[in-house]
Amino acid sequence: MLMSVMGKRALRAAEVFLGLALISIAGPAAAQDAPRSGTFEALWSLKGTAQELELGAGRKTSTFRHTGTITFRNAEGLVGTALASCLGLGDTAKGDVGRCVWVLEGGDRIFSELSGQLAPGPESGTVRGNFVGGTGRFQQISGSYELDWVVRPTGEPGAFRAQTVRMSGSWKAP
């Protein structure tokens, strides 16, 4: 039962933090008081795998998948977490694209599209994300985020770990 109470507090913090609490744990009446927009900072730690193909002199393409945990903080200091899963395609000539699903406690999901330096490589870079919807309370979320990350190989072929050094964004819920 203690875990259940702690889980509800973590969910509420995540919802308020992202302003996604269209209906709070307290019930529909509290939804009127829920924030409808805001900003956040976050830390994203992840691990993943990538496969690479050579496409001629100086050009490579890769597919990658990574999973990890995002810990959010808003201006009021509220903290929440989400589990994130992403798939992507990298191309040294055309750029990188990816899609992510963030799963919050309780099962609601937030979807985002990514672009920038996504594929693991010797140079880490800036990634931009756009919220494109979700499920449940997050069905109509919009907004964007940006992050810089550092990627390190694990020693296993194709495996890597990464962590953001900066991540921030803004959101809006109708």
Protein backbone atom coordinates (compact mmCIF):
# COMPACT_ATOMS: atom_id res chain seq x y z
CA MET A 1 0.00 0.00 0.00
CA LEU A 2 2.89 2.39 0.74
CA MET A 3 4.18 1.83 -2.77
CA SER A 4 0.75 2.67 -4.15
CA VAL A 5 0.68 6.00 -2.29
CA MET A 6 4.23 6.81 -3.40
CA GLY A 7 3.33 5.85 -6.98
CA LYS A 8 0.35 8.22 -6.98
CA ARG A 9 2.52 11.07 -5.70
CA ALA A 10 5.09 10.44 -8.45
CA LEU A 11 2.33 10.38 -11.07
CA ARG A 12 0.87 13.66 -9.82
CA ALA A 13 4.28 15.31 -9.84
CA ALA A 14 4.88 14.20 -13.43
CA GLU A 15 1.44 15.41 -14.53
CA VAL A 16 1.74 18.81 -12.89
CA PHE A 17 5.31 19.13 -14.03
CA LEU A 18 4.44 18.72 -17.68
CA GLY A 19 1.12 20.45 -17.24
CA LEU A 20 -0.49 17.31 -18.48
CA ALA A 21 -2.80 16.90 -15.52
CA LEU A 22 -5.99 17.38 -17.40
CA ILE A 23 -7.59 15.32 -14.66
CA SER A 24 -5.68 15.09 -11.41
CA ILE A 25 -5.56 12.17 -9.02
CA ALA A 26 -8.05 14.09 -6.89
CA GLY A 27 -10.66 13.87 -9.66
CA PRO A 28 -12.21 15.88 -12.51
CA ALA A 29 -12.97 18.95 -10.35
CA ALA A 30 -9.23 19.61 -9.91
CA ALA A 31 -8.70 19.65 -13.70
CA GLN A 32 -9.77 23.32 -13.79
CA ASP A 33 -6.73 24.16 -11.64
CA ALA A 34 -4.28 22.08 -13.74
CA PRO A 35 -1.69 24.06 -15.68
CA ARG A 36 -2.30 24.22 -19.44
CA SER A 37 1.22 25.18 -20.50
CA GLY A 38 4.70 25.42 -19.09
CA THR A 39 8.40 24.70 -19.37
CA PHE A 40 10.61 21.93 -18.03
CA GLU A 41 14.17 20.71 -17.63
CA ALA A 42 15.03 17.01 -17.65
CA LEU A 43 17.72 14.36 -17.43
CA TRP A 44 17.46 11.42 -19.85
CA SER A 45 19.61 8.33 -19.27
CA LEU A 46 19.39 5.57 -21.85
CA LYS A 47 20.94 2.47 -23.35
CA GLY A 48 20.54 1.09 -26.81
CA THR A 49 21.80 -0.67 -29.88
CA ALA A 50 22.62 0.45 -33.41
CA GLN A 51 23.37 -1.23 -36.70
CA GLU A 52 25.41 0.51 -39.36
CA LEU A 53 25.81 0.24 -43.14
CA GLU A 54 28.46 1.87 -45.32
CA LEU A 55 26.91 3.76 -48.26
CA GLY A 56 30.07 4.60 -50.13
CA ALA A 57 32.97 6.88 -49.41
CA GLY A 58 32.32 8.84 -46.23
CA ARG A 59 28.62 8.03 -45.95
CA LYS A 60 26.94 5.75 -43.40
CA THR A 61 23.40 4.93 -42.43
CA SER A 62 22.24 3.32 -39.22
CA THR A 63 19.18 2.14 -37.39
CA PHE A 64 18.99 2.47 -33.65
CA ARG A 65 16.74 1.67 -30.74
CA HIS A 66 17.13 2.94 -27.21
CA THR A 67 15.22 2.84 -23.95
CA GLY A 68 15.68 4.76 -20.75
CA THR A 69 14.28 6.96 -18.03
CA ILE A 70 13.54 10.67 -18.17
CA THR A 71 13.42 12.62 -14.90
CA PHE A 72 11.63 15.97 -15.20
CA ARG A 73 11.70 19.12 -13.09
CA ASN A 74 9.57 22.23 -13.50
CA ALA A 75 10.06 25.76 -12.18
CA GLU A 76 8.26 24.86 -8.94
CA GLY A 77 10.70 22.00 -8.33
CA LEU A 78 8.18 19.21 -8.90
CA VAL A 79 9.80 16.04 -10.18
CA GLY A 80 8.32 13.25 -12.28
CA THR A 81 9.57 10.40 -14.45
CA ALA A 82 8.72 8.62 -17.69
CA LEU A 83 10.03 5.50 -19.38
CA ALA A 84 11.06 6.26 -22.96
CA SER A 85 11.48 4.01 -26.01
CA CYS A 86 12.78 5.34 -29.32
CA LEU A 87 13.50 4.03 -32.82
CA GLY A 88 15.38 5.93 -35.48
CA LEU A 89 17.27 6.10 -38.72
CA GLY A 90 20.55 7.93 -39.09
CA ASP A 91 22.19 9.06 -42.34
CA THR A 92 25.41 11.06 -42.36
CA ALA A 93 24.33 12.79 -45.61
CA LYS A 94 20.62 13.35 -44.99
CA GLY A 95 20.36 13.71 -41.20
CA ASP A 96 18.74 11.64 -38.48
CA VAL A 97 15.07 11.11 -37.59
CA GLY A 98 13.40 9.19 -34.78
CA ARG A 99 10.14 8.52 -33.01
CA CYS A 100 9.69 8.14 -29.25
CA VAL A 101 7.01 7.00 -26.85
CA TRP A 102 7.18 8.20 -23.24
CA VAL A 103 5.14 6.07 -20.85
CA LEU A 104 4.05 7.73 -17.62
CA GLU A 105 2.97 5.89 -14.50
CA GLY A 106 -0.58 4.73 -15.04
CA GLY A 107 0.07 3.88 -18.69
CA ASP A 108 -0.65 7.18 -20.45
CA ARG A 109 1.72 7.81 -23.36
CA ILE A 110 3.26 10.87 -24.98
CA PHE A 111 4.51 10.66 -28.60
CA SER A 112 7.31 12.74 -30.08
CA GLU A 113 9.26 13.10 -33.31
CA LEU A 114 13.02 13.70 -33.18
CA SER A 115 15.60 15.22 -35.50
CA GLY A 116 19.25 16.15 -35.16
CA GLN A 117 22.29 14.12 -34.06
CA LEU A 118 20.40 11.00 -32.95
CA ALA A 119 22.47 8.08 -34.18
CA PRO A 120 25.34 7.03 -31.93
CA GLY A 121 28.69 8.13 -33.25
CA PRO A 122 31.97 9.73 -32.32
CA GLU A 123 30.33 13.15 -32.05
CA SER A 124 27.32 13.69 -29.87
CA GLY A 125 25.07 16.57 -30.72
CA THR A 126 21.86 18.49 -30.38
CA VAL A 127 18.51 16.75 -30.75
CA ARG A 128 15.18 18.51 -31.26
CA GLY A 129 11.84 16.90 -30.42
CA ASN A 130 8.23 17.83 -31.06
CA PHE A 131 5.30 16.45 -29.08
CA VAL A 132 2.75 15.11 -31.57
CA GLY A 133 0.07 13.70 -29.26
CA GLY A 134 -0.48 10.87 -26.88
CA THR A 135 -3.11 8.75 -25.18
CA GLY A 136 -5.51 9.34 -22.32
CA ARG A 137 -4.96 12.73 -20.71
CA PHE A 138 -2.14 13.49 -23.15
CA GLN A 139 -4.06 12.98 -26.39
CA GLN A 140 -3.73 16.59 -27.58
CA ILE A 141 -0.38 17.64 -26.10
CA SER A 142 1.83 19.84 -28.26
CA GLY A 143 5.18 21.49 -27.70
CA SER A 144 8.87 20.91 -28.23
CA TYR A 145 12.12 20.11 -26.48
CA GLU A 146 15.82 20.20 -27.19
CA LEU A 147 18.68 18.24 -25.72
CA ASP A 148 22.41 17.75 -25.95
CA TRP A 149 23.72 14.33 -25.07
CA VAL A 150 26.91 12.34 -24.71
CA VAL A 151 27.02 8.84 -26.19
CA ARG A 152 29.51 6.20 -25.09
CA PRO A 153 30.02 2.69 -26.49
CA THR A 154 29.65 -0.12 -23.95
CA GLY A 155 32.26 -2.43 -25.49
CA GLU A 156 29.66 -4.77 -26.99
CA PRO A 157 29.24 -4.51 -30.78
CA GLY A 158 26.56 -1.94 -31.59
CA ALA A 159 25.68 -1.24 -27.95
CA PHE A 160 25.83 2.22 -26.37
CA ARG A 161 24.81 4.26 -23.34
CA ALA A 162 23.92 7.93 -23.40
CA GLN A 163 22.93 10.73 -21.06
CA THR A 164 21.73 14.25 -21.64
CA VAL A 165 23.93 17.11 -20.51
CA ARG A 166 21.07 19.55 -21.15
CA MET A 167 17.39 18.96 -21.87
CA SER A 168 14.59 21.53 -21.75
CA GLY A 169 11.30 22.19 -23.43
CA SER A 170 7.82 23.62 -23.36
CA TRP A 171 4.35 22.13 -23.72
CA LYS A 172 0.76 23.10 -24.20
CA ALA A 173 -2.42 21.17 -23.45
CA PRO A 174 -5.78 22.40 -24.79
